[in-house]
Amino acid sequence: MATPPAHELVVVPAPGQPGREELLQKCYDVRIAVFHSEQGFPLDTEIDEYDEEATHILLRLVPSLEPVGTIRCVKLKEYYKLTRLAVLMDYRKYRFGRLLVESLHDYVKSDAKASSRGDADSVKVVSHSQLPVKGFYGKFGYVPEGDEFDEDGAPHQKMVLRLSLSD
């Protein structure tokens, strides 16, 4: 693996907090570059009803603060949903996707413990994986559930993880 450039992870502030709009726009910029410009998904599906209340994590280079990756966590009634994982093509060789997933898992653990969510020792995390990257999620312990389905014109697979809340 190539040595990654200096970087930092930033949790986008909650709605109404200072700095949210600017950092959230940086997340959108990465997502649009990856999902719309690179992969051809419709632009009008990229920003949705979950964005306002979701927790967004931005990966950016330092000291330039150039955004290169993002991930989104949606807290639903029965589970957390890992969505919108995107890393700019030139930065995928640094395993930033893994770093973003691990940071989302850390956030979920912290939130679940604080809100007494999940059973005594684990919480459910769901992702709708594009088929070519099912193996990536499998490395974290996600397992396929149900049949493949179409989402925004591309085949996907529901992937589910029981995330341990122990440290």
N, C-alpha and C. Protein backbone atom coordinates (compact mmCIF):
# COMPACT_ATOMS: atom_id res chain seq x y z
N MET A 1 0.84 -1.18 0.00
CA MET A 1 0.00 0.00 0.00
C MET A 1 0.89 1.25 0.00
N ALA A 2 0.49 2.21 -0.80
CA ALA A 2 1.21 3.48 -0.85
C ALA A 2 1.03 4.24 0.46
N THR A 3 2.01 5.03 0.80
CA THR A 3 1.91 5.84 2.02
C THR A 3 0.88 6.94 1.80
N PRO A 4 -0.14 6.99 2.66
CA PRO A 4 -1.19 7.99 2.46
C PRO A 4 -0.71 9.40 2.77
N PRO A 5 -1.24 10.38 2.06
CA PRO A 5 -0.92 11.76 2.39
C PRO A 5 -1.53 12.12 3.75
N ALA A 6 -0.99 13.16 4.37
CA ALA A 6 -1.53 13.62 5.65
C ALA A 6 -3.00 13.97 5.48
N HIS A 7 -3.80 13.53 6.45
CA HIS A 7 -5.25 13.69 6.32
C HIS A 7 -5.88 13.77 7.69
N GLU A 8 -7.16 14.14 7.70
CA GLU A 8 -7.93 14.15 8.94
C GLU A 8 -9.37 13.78 8.63
N LEU A 9 -10.03 13.26 9.64
CA LEU A 9 -11.46 12.96 9.56
C LEU A 9 -12.20 14.03 10.36
N VAL A 10 -13.27 14.55 9.79
CA VAL A 10 -14.06 15.58 10.44
C VAL A 10 -15.51 15.14 10.44
N VAL A 11 -16.13 15.11 11.62
CA VAL A 11 -17.56 14.86 11.70
C VAL A 11 -18.25 16.20 11.45
N VAL A 12 -19.09 16.24 10.43
CA VAL A 12 -19.80 17.47 10.10
C VAL A 12 -20.71 17.85 11.27
N PRO A 13 -20.66 19.12 11.70
CA PRO A 13 -21.51 19.53 12.83
C PRO A 13 -22.99 19.26 12.57
N ALA A 14 -23.73 19.10 13.65
CA ALA A 14 -25.18 18.84 13.58
C ALA A 14 -25.91 20.03 12.96
N PRO A 15 -27.16 19.81 12.49
CA PRO A 15 -27.94 20.92 11.93
C PRO A 15 -28.00 22.10 12.89
N GLY A 16 -27.81 23.30 12.33
CA GLY A 16 -27.86 24.52 13.13
C GLY A 16 -26.54 24.91 13.76
N GLN A 17 -25.54 24.03 13.69
CA GLN A 17 -24.24 24.32 14.30
C GLN A 17 -23.33 25.04 13.29
N PRO A 18 -22.43 25.88 13.80
CA PRO A 18 -21.52 26.61 12.91
C PRO A 18 -20.64 25.65 12.09
N GLY A 19 -20.43 26.00 10.83
CA GLY A 19 -19.56 25.24 9.96
C GLY A 19 -20.24 24.10 9.22
N ARG A 20 -21.48 23.79 9.58
CA ARG A 20 -22.14 22.64 8.97
C ARG A 20 -22.29 22.76 7.46
N GLU A 21 -22.82 23.89 7.00
CA GLU A 21 -23.14 24.01 5.56
C GLU A 21 -21.89 23.88 4.70
N GLU A 22 -20.80 24.51 5.10
CA GLU A 22 -19.57 24.45 4.31
C GLU A 22 -19.02 23.03 4.26
N LEU A 23 -18.96 22.35 5.40
CA LEU A 23 -18.44 20.98 5.42
C LEU A 23 -19.38 20.01 4.71
N LEU A 24 -20.68 20.20 4.88
CA LEU A 24 -21.64 19.34 4.20
C LEU A 24 -21.52 19.49 2.69
N GLN A 25 -21.29 20.71 2.22
CA GLN A 25 -21.11 20.93 0.79
C GLN A 25 -19.87 20.19 0.28
N LYS A 26 -18.83 20.12 1.09
CA LYS A 26 -17.62 19.37 0.70
C LYS A 26 -17.94 17.88 0.56
N CYS A 27 -18.79 17.36 1.45
CA CYS A 27 -19.23 15.96 1.33
C CYS A 27 -20.00 15.77 0.03
N TYR A 28 -20.92 16.69 -0.25
CA TYR A 28 -21.70 16.62 -1.49
C TYR A 28 -20.78 16.65 -2.71
N ASP A 29 -19.75 17.51 -2.67
CA ASP A 29 -18.84 17.64 -3.81
C ASP A 29 -18.15 16.30 -4.11
N VAL A 30 -17.69 15.61 -3.06
CA VAL A 30 -17.04 14.31 -3.25
C VAL A 30 -18.06 13.31 -3.80
N ARG A 31 -19.25 13.27 -3.21
CA ARG A 31 -20.28 12.32 -3.66
C ARG A 31 -20.65 12.56 -5.12
N ILE A 32 -20.83 13.81 -5.50
CA ILE A 32 -21.20 14.12 -6.89
C ILE A 32 -20.08 13.71 -7.84
N ALA A 33 -18.82 13.97 -7.45
CA ALA A 33 -17.69 13.58 -8.29
C ALA A 33 -17.66 12.08 -8.50
N VAL A 34 -17.90 11.31 -7.44
CA VAL A 34 -17.82 9.85 -7.54
C VAL A 34 -19.08 9.25 -8.15
N PHE A 35 -20.22 9.54 -7.57
CA PHE A 35 -21.45 8.85 -8.00
C PHE A 35 -22.04 9.40 -9.29
N HIS A 36 -21.96 10.69 -9.52
CA HIS A 36 -22.55 11.27 -10.73
C HIS A 36 -21.51 11.34 -11.86
N SER A 37 -20.43 12.08 -11.63
CA SER A 37 -19.46 12.30 -12.71
C SER A 37 -18.73 11.02 -13.11
N GLU A 38 -18.29 10.23 -12.13
CA GLU A 38 -17.52 9.01 -12.43
C GLU A 38 -18.41 7.82 -12.77
N GLN A 39 -19.44 7.57 -11.95
CA GLN A 39 -20.23 6.35 -12.10
C GLN A 39 -21.54 6.54 -12.87
N GLY A 40 -21.92 7.77 -13.14
CA GLY A 40 -23.07 8.03 -14.00
C GLY A 40 -24.43 7.96 -13.34
N PHE A 41 -24.50 7.98 -12.01
CA PHE A 41 -25.81 8.00 -11.34
C PHE A 41 -26.45 9.36 -11.56
N PRO A 42 -27.79 9.41 -11.60
CA PRO A 42 -28.47 10.69 -11.81
C PRO A 42 -28.15 11.69 -10.70
N LEU A 43 -27.88 12.92 -11.09
CA LEU A 43 -27.55 13.97 -10.13
C LEU A 43 -28.70 14.21 -9.15
N ASP A 44 -29.92 14.09 -9.63
CA ASP A 44 -31.08 14.41 -8.76
C ASP A 44 -31.32 13.37 -7.67
N THR A 45 -30.59 12.25 -7.69
CA THR A 45 -30.76 11.26 -6.62
C THR A 45 -29.66 11.38 -5.56
N GLU A 46 -28.69 12.24 -5.80
CA GLU A 46 -27.53 12.28 -4.90
C GLU A 46 -27.83 12.90 -3.54
N ILE A 47 -28.60 13.95 -3.51
CA ILE A 47 -28.96 14.58 -2.24
C ILE A 47 -30.41 14.19 -1.96
N ASP A 48 -30.64 13.61 -0.79
CA ASP A 48 -31.98 13.08 -0.52
C ASP A 48 -32.51 13.52 0.84
N GLU A 49 -33.64 12.94 1.21
CA GLU A 49 -34.34 13.33 2.44
C GLU A 49 -33.56 13.00 3.71
N TYR A 50 -32.54 12.15 3.62
CA TYR A 50 -31.77 11.77 4.80
C TYR A 50 -30.62 12.74 5.11
N ASP A 51 -30.21 13.50 4.13
CA ASP A 51 -29.02 14.32 4.30
C ASP A 51 -29.10 15.33 5.44
N GLU A 52 -30.24 15.93 5.65
CA GLU A 52 -30.35 16.98 6.66
C GLU A 52 -30.10 16.45 8.07
N GLU A 53 -30.59 15.26 8.39
CA GLU A 53 -30.46 14.74 9.75
C GLU A 53 -29.36 13.71 9.93
N ALA A 54 -28.77 13.25 8.84
CA ALA A 54 -27.73 12.22 8.91
C ALA A 54 -26.44 12.78 9.51
N THR A 55 -25.60 11.87 9.97
CA THR A 55 -24.26 12.24 10.40
C THR A 55 -23.32 12.01 9.22
N HIS A 56 -22.59 13.03 8.86
CA HIS A 56 -21.66 12.97 7.73
C HIS A 56 -20.23 13.06 8.27
N ILE A 57 -19.35 12.25 7.69
CA ILE A 57 -17.94 12.29 8.04
C ILE A 57 -17.17 12.63 6.77
N LEU A 58 -16.31 13.61 6.87
CA LEU A 58 -15.51 14.08 5.74
C LEU A 58 -14.05 13.72 5.98
N LEU A 59 -13.40 13.18 4.96
CA LEU A 59 -11.97 12.93 5.00
C LEU A 59 -11.32 13.96 4.10
N ARG A 60 -10.39 14.72 4.67
CA ARG A 60 -9.73 15.75 3.88
C ARG A 60 -8.23 15.74 4.14
N LEU A 61 -7.51 16.24 3.15
CA LEU A 61 -6.06 16.32 3.27
C LEU A 61 -5.69 17.51 4.14
N VAL A 62 -4.55 17.41 4.80
CA VAL A 62 -4.03 18.55 5.55
C VAL A 62 -2.60 18.81 5.07
N PRO A 63 -2.22 20.05 4.97
CA PRO A 63 -2.90 21.25 5.44
C PRO A 63 -3.86 21.88 4.43
N SER A 64 -3.98 21.31 3.20
CA SER A 64 -4.78 21.96 2.15
C SER A 64 -6.28 21.96 2.42
N LEU A 65 -6.77 21.01 3.25
CA LEU A 65 -8.19 20.82 3.54
C LEU A 65 -8.98 20.38 2.30
N GLU A 66 -8.28 19.81 1.32
CA GLU A 66 -8.94 19.30 0.11
C GLU A 66 -9.76 18.06 0.48
N PRO A 67 -11.07 18.06 0.18
CA PRO A 67 -11.89 16.89 0.50
C PRO A 67 -11.61 15.75 -0.48
N VAL A 68 -11.43 14.52 0.06
CA VAL A 68 -11.14 13.38 -0.82
C VAL A 68 -12.04 12.18 -0.53
N GLY A 69 -12.81 12.22 0.56
CA GLY A 69 -13.69 11.11 0.88
C GLY A 69 -14.79 11.51 1.84
N THR A 70 -15.84 10.71 1.85
CA THR A 70 -16.95 10.97 2.76
C THR A 70 -17.75 9.69 2.99
N ILE A 71 -18.51 9.69 4.06
CA ILE A 71 -19.43 8.60 4.38
C ILE A 71 -20.57 9.22 5.18
N ARG A 72 -21.73 8.59 5.10
CA ARG A 72 -22.92 9.11 5.79
C ARG A 72 -23.54 8.00 6.62
N CYS A 73 -24.00 8.37 7.82
CA CYS A 73 -24.69 7.44 8.71
C CYS A 73 -26.10 7.96 8.96
N VAL A 74 -27.07 7.14 8.63
CA VAL A 74 -28.47 7.48 8.87
C VAL A 74 -28.96 6.62 10.02
N LYS A 75 -29.48 7.26 11.04
CA LYS A 75 -29.99 6.56 12.21
C LYS A 75 -31.49 6.34 12.00
N LEU A 76 -31.85 5.08 11.80
CA LEU A 76 -33.25 4.72 11.60
C LEU A 76 -33.79 4.05 12.86
N LYS A 77 -35.06 3.74 12.86
CA LYS A 77 -35.69 3.20 14.08
C LYS A 77 -35.06 1.89 14.54
N GLU A 78 -34.81 0.98 13.61
CA GLU A 78 -34.34 -0.36 13.97
C GLU A 78 -32.84 -0.59 13.76
N TYR A 79 -32.18 0.32 13.07
CA TYR A 79 -30.78 0.10 12.74
C TYR A 79 -30.13 1.41 12.27
N TYR A 80 -28.82 1.34 12.10
CA TYR A 80 -28.06 2.43 11.48
C TYR A 80 -27.80 2.02 10.04
N LYS A 81 -27.79 3.01 9.15
CA LYS A 81 -27.54 2.71 7.75
C LYS A 81 -26.28 3.43 7.28
N LEU A 82 -25.32 2.65 6.80
CA LEU A 82 -24.10 3.17 6.20
C LEU A 82 -24.44 3.50 4.75
N THR A 83 -24.28 4.76 4.37
CA THR A 83 -24.62 5.17 3.01
C THR A 83 -23.59 6.16 2.47
N ARG A 84 -23.62 6.31 1.18
CA ARG A 84 -22.86 7.34 0.48
C ARG A 84 -21.36 7.34 0.79
N LEU A 85 -20.78 6.14 0.88
CA LEU A 85 -19.33 6.03 1.01
C LEU A 85 -18.71 6.37 -0.34
N ALA A 86 -17.86 7.38 -0.37
CA ALA A 86 -17.23 7.80 -1.62
C ALA A 86 -15.82 8.29 -1.35
N VAL A 87 -14.88 7.84 -2.17
CA VAL A 87 -13.50 8.30 -2.12
C VAL A 87 -13.10 8.65 -3.56
N LEU A 88 -12.51 9.82 -3.74
CA LEU A 88 -12.08 10.22 -5.07
C LEU A 88 -11.09 9.18 -5.62
N MET A 89 -11.20 8.92 -6.91
CA MET A 89 -10.45 7.84 -7.55
C MET A 89 -8.95 7.87 -7.24
N ASP A 90 -8.33 9.01 -7.30
CA ASP A 90 -6.88 9.10 -7.10
C ASP A 90 -6.45 8.77 -5.68
N TYR A 91 -7.40 8.67 -4.76
CA TYR A 91 -7.06 8.44 -3.35
C TYR A 91 -7.49 7.06 -2.84
N ARG A 92 -8.06 6.25 -3.69
CA ARG A 92 -8.53 4.92 -3.26
C ARG A 92 -7.38 4.00 -2.90
N LYS A 93 -6.24 4.20 -3.48
CA LYS A 93 -5.07 3.34 -3.21
C LYS A 93 -4.57 3.47 -1.77
N TYR A 94 -5.04 4.46 -1.03
CA TYR A 94 -4.58 4.68 0.34
C TYR A 94 -5.48 4.04 1.39
N ARG A 95 -6.45 3.26 0.96
CA ARG A 95 -7.38 2.57 1.87
C ARG A 95 -8.23 3.54 2.68
N PHE A 96 -8.51 4.68 2.10
CA PHE A 96 -9.34 5.66 2.79
C PHE A 96 -10.78 5.16 2.96
N GLY A 97 -11.23 4.28 2.07
CA GLY A 97 -12.57 3.70 2.23
C GLY A 97 -12.65 2.92 3.53
N ARG A 98 -11.64 2.14 3.83
CA ARG A 98 -11.58 1.38 5.09
C ARG A 98 -11.59 2.33 6.28
N LEU A 99 -10.80 3.38 6.20
CA LEU A 99 -10.74 4.35 7.29
C LEU A 99 -12.11 5.00 7.53
N LEU A 100 -12.81 5.32 6.47
CA LEU A 100 -14.14 5.94 6.60
C LEU A 100 -15.14 4.96 7.22
N VAL A 101 -15.14 3.71 6.79
CA VAL A 101 -16.05 2.72 7.37
C VAL A 101 -15.74 2.53 8.85
N GLU A 102 -14.47 2.41 9.18
CA GLU A 102 -14.09 2.25 10.59
C GLU A 102 -14.53 3.46 11.42
N SER A 103 -14.42 4.65 10.85
CA SER A 103 -14.84 5.85 11.59
C SER A 103 -16.36 5.87 11.77
N LEU A 104 -17.10 5.40 10.77
CA LEU A 104 -18.55 5.30 10.92
C LEU A 104 -18.89 4.27 12.00
N HIS A 105 -18.21 3.15 12.01
CA HIS A 105 -18.46 2.14 13.04
C HIS A 105 -18.17 2.71 14.43
N ASP A 106 -17.10 3.48 14.57
CA ASP A 106 -16.79 4.11 15.86
C ASP A 106 -17.92 5.06 16.28
N TYR A 107 -18.41 5.83 15.32
CA TYR A 107 -19.52 6.75 15.61
C TYR A 107 -20.76 5.96 16.06
N VAL A 108 -21.09 4.90 15.34
CA VAL A 108 -22.26 4.09 15.67
C VAL A 108 -22.14 3.52 17.08
N LYS A 109 -20.97 2.98 17.40
CA LYS A 109 -20.76 2.42 18.74
C LYS A 109 -21.01 3.48 19.81
N SER A 110 -20.42 4.63 19.62
CA SER A 110 -20.57 5.71 20.59
C SER A 110 -22.02 6.15 20.72
N ASP A 111 -22.69 6.34 19.59
CA ASP A 111 -24.08 6.78 19.60
C ASP A 111 -24.99 5.73 20.22
N ALA A 112 -24.77 4.47 19.86
CA ALA A 112 -25.61 3.38 20.37
C ALA A 112 -25.47 3.25 21.88
N LYS A 113 -24.24 3.36 22.37
CA LYS A 113 -24.03 3.29 23.82
C LYS A 113 -24.70 4.46 24.53
N ALA A 114 -24.58 5.65 23.95
CA ALA A 114 -25.14 6.86 24.57
C ALA A 114 -26.66 6.84 24.57
N SER A 115 -27.25 6.21 23.57
CA SER A 115 -28.71 6.20 23.47
C SER A 115 -29.32 4.86 23.87
N SER A 116 -28.49 3.97 24.45
CA SER A 116 -28.94 2.62 24.84
C SER A 116 -29.64 1.92 23.69
N ARG A 117 -29.06 2.05 22.52
CA ARG A 117 -29.63 1.46 21.31
C ARG A 117 -29.04 0.08 21.07
N GLY A 118 -29.81 -0.76 20.48
CA GLY A 118 -29.32 -2.11 20.20
C GLY A 118 -29.49 -2.99 21.43
N ASP A 119 -29.16 -4.25 21.27
CA ASP A 119 -29.25 -5.13 22.43
C ASP A 119 -28.02 -4.89 23.30
N ALA A 120 -27.82 -5.71 24.29
CA ALA A 120 -26.77 -5.47 25.29
C ALA A 120 -25.37 -5.40 24.69
N ASP A 121 -25.11 -6.13 23.60
CA ASP A 121 -23.74 -6.19 23.13
C ASP A 121 -23.51 -5.86 21.66
N SER A 122 -24.56 -5.55 20.90
CA SER A 122 -24.35 -5.24 19.49
C SER A 122 -25.48 -4.37 18.94
N VAL A 123 -25.23 -3.82 17.77
CA VAL A 123 -26.21 -2.99 17.08
C VAL A 123 -26.15 -3.36 15.59
N LYS A 124 -27.28 -3.22 14.91
CA LYS A 124 -27.38 -3.57 13.50
C LYS A 124 -27.00 -2.38 12.62
N VAL A 125 -26.12 -2.66 11.64
CA VAL A 125 -25.74 -1.67 10.63
C VAL A 125 -26.04 -2.28 9.27
N VAL A 126 -26.72 -1.52 8.42
CA VAL A 126 -27.12 -1.99 7.09
C VAL A 126 -26.49 -1.10 6.02
N SER A 127 -26.09 -1.71 4.92
CA SER A 127 -25.61 -0.97 3.77
C SER A 127 -26.21 -1.58 2.51
N HIS A 128 -26.53 -0.75 1.54
CA HIS A 128 -26.93 -1.23 0.22
C HIS A 128 -25.69 -1.12 -0.66
N SER A 129 -25.03 -2.23 -0.85
CA SER A 129 -23.76 -2.27 -1.57
C SER A 129 -23.96 -2.44 -3.07
N GLN A 130 -23.21 -1.67 -3.84
CA GLN A 130 -23.13 -1.96 -5.26
C GLN A 130 -22.46 -3.34 -5.37
N LEU A 131 -22.88 -4.14 -6.33
CA LEU A 131 -22.38 -5.52 -6.42
C LEU A 131 -20.86 -5.64 -6.51
N PRO A 132 -20.17 -4.79 -7.29
CA PRO A 132 -18.71 -4.96 -7.38
C PRO A 132 -17.96 -4.76 -6.05
N VAL A 133 -18.59 -4.13 -5.05
CA VAL A 133 -17.87 -3.88 -3.79
C VAL A 133 -18.45 -4.66 -2.61
N LYS A 134 -19.24 -5.68 -2.89
CA LYS A 134 -19.75 -6.53 -1.80
C LYS A 134 -18.61 -7.12 -0.97
N GLY A 135 -17.54 -7.52 -1.62
CA GLY A 135 -16.40 -8.10 -0.93
C GLY A 135 -15.73 -7.12 0.02
N PHE A 136 -15.74 -5.86 -0.34
CA PHE A 136 -15.18 -4.82 0.54
C PHE A 136 -15.93 -4.82 1.86
N TYR A 137 -17.26 -4.81 1.81
CA TYR A 137 -18.05 -4.81 3.04
C TYR A 137 -17.91 -6.13 3.79
N GLY A 138 -17.74 -7.22 3.05
CA GLY A 138 -17.55 -8.52 3.67
C GLY A 138 -16.32 -8.55 4.58
N LYS A 139 -15.30 -7.78 4.24
CA LYS A 139 -14.09 -7.73 5.06
C LYS A 139 -14.35 -7.16 6.46
N PHE A 140 -15.42 -6.43 6.60
CA PHE A 140 -15.81 -5.86 7.90
C PHE A 140 -16.80 -6.75 8.65
N GLY A 141 -17.22 -7.85 8.00
CA GLY A 141 -18.18 -8.75 8.65
C GLY A 141 -19.61 -8.59 8.16
N TYR A 142 -19.83 -7.72 7.18
CA TYR A 142 -21.17 -7.58 6.61
C TYR A 142 -21.51 -8.85 5.83
N VAL A 143 -22.76 -9.30 5.93
CA VAL A 143 -23.19 -10.48 5.19
C VAL A 143 -24.39 -10.12 4.32
N PRO A 144 -24.49 -10.73 3.13
CA PRO A 144 -25.62 -10.44 2.25
C PRO A 144 -26.93 -10.91 2.88
N GLU A 145 -27.98 -10.15 2.65
CA GLU A 145 -29.32 -10.52 3.13
C GLU A 145 -30.32 -10.26 2.00
N GLY A 146 -31.09 -11.26 1.66
CA GLY A 146 -32.11 -11.10 0.63
C GLY A 146 -31.54 -11.13 -0.77
N ASP A 147 -32.41 -10.83 -1.72
CA ASP A 147 -32.04 -10.86 -3.13
C ASP A 147 -31.39 -9.55 -3.55
N GLU A 148 -30.66 -9.61 -4.65
CA GLU A 148 -30.14 -8.39 -5.25
C GLU A 148 -31.32 -7.56 -5.74
N PHE A 149 -31.13 -6.24 -5.80
CA PHE A 149 -32.20 -5.33 -6.21
C PHE A 149 -31.62 -4.14 -6.95
N ASP A 150 -32.47 -3.44 -7.67
CA ASP A 150 -32.06 -2.25 -8.39
C ASP A 150 -32.21 -1.02 -7.48
N GLU A 151 -31.18 -0.20 -7.43
CA GLU A 151 -31.26 1.07 -6.72
C GLU A 151 -30.63 2.13 -7.62
N ASP A 152 -31.43 3.08 -8.03
CA ASP A 152 -30.98 4.16 -8.92
C ASP A 152 -30.36 3.64 -10.21
N GLY A 153 -30.88 2.52 -10.72
CA GLY A 153 -30.43 1.99 -12.00
C GLY A 153 -29.24 1.05 -11.95
N ALA A 154 -28.79 0.68 -10.76
CA ALA A 154 -27.65 -0.24 -10.64
C ALA A 154 -27.98 -1.36 -9.67
N PRO A 155 -27.47 -2.57 -9.93
CA PRO A 155 -27.74 -3.68 -9.02
C PRO A 155 -27.03 -3.50 -7.68
N HIS A 156 -27.75 -3.76 -6.61
CA HIS A 156 -27.25 -3.63 -5.24
C HIS A 156 -27.60 -4.88 -4.44
N GLN A 157 -26.93 -5.04 -3.30
CA GLN A 157 -27.19 -6.12 -2.37
C GLN A 157 -27.26 -5.52 -0.97
N LYS A 158 -28.31 -5.87 -0.23
CA LYS A 158 -28.38 -5.46 1.17
C LYS A 158 -27.33 -6.25 1.93
N MET A 159 -26.50 -5.52 2.69
CA MET A 159 -25.45 -6.12 3.50
C MET A 159 -25.71 -5.72 4.95
N VAL A 160 -25.60 -6.68 5.87
CA VAL A 160 -25.95 -6.44 7.27
C VAL A 160 -24.79 -6.86 8.17
N LEU A 161 -24.54 -6.03 9.18
CA LEU A 161 -23.51 -6.29 10.17
C LEU A 161 -24.11 -6.16 11.56
N ARG A 162 -23.80 -7.10 12.43
CA ARG A 162 -24.09 -6.95 13.87
C ARG A 162 -22.80 -6.42 14.47
N LEU A 163 -22.77 -5.13 14.72
CA LEU A 163 -21.57 -4.47 15.21
C LEU A 163 -21.48 -4.59 16.73
N SER A 164 -20.40 -5.18 17.18
CA SER A 164 -20.19 -5.34 18.61
C SER A 164 -20.00 -3.99 19.28
N LEU A 165 -20.62 -3.80 20.43
CA LEU A 165 -20.47 -2.55 21.16
C LEU A 165 -19.33 -2.59 22.16
N SER A 166 -18.65 -3.74 22.26
CA SER A 166 -17.50 -3.78 23.16
C SER A 166 -16.31 -3.12 22.49
N ASP A 167 -15.45 -2.59 23.32
CA ASP A 167 -14.27 -1.90 22.78
C ASP A 167 -13.20 -2.83 22.40
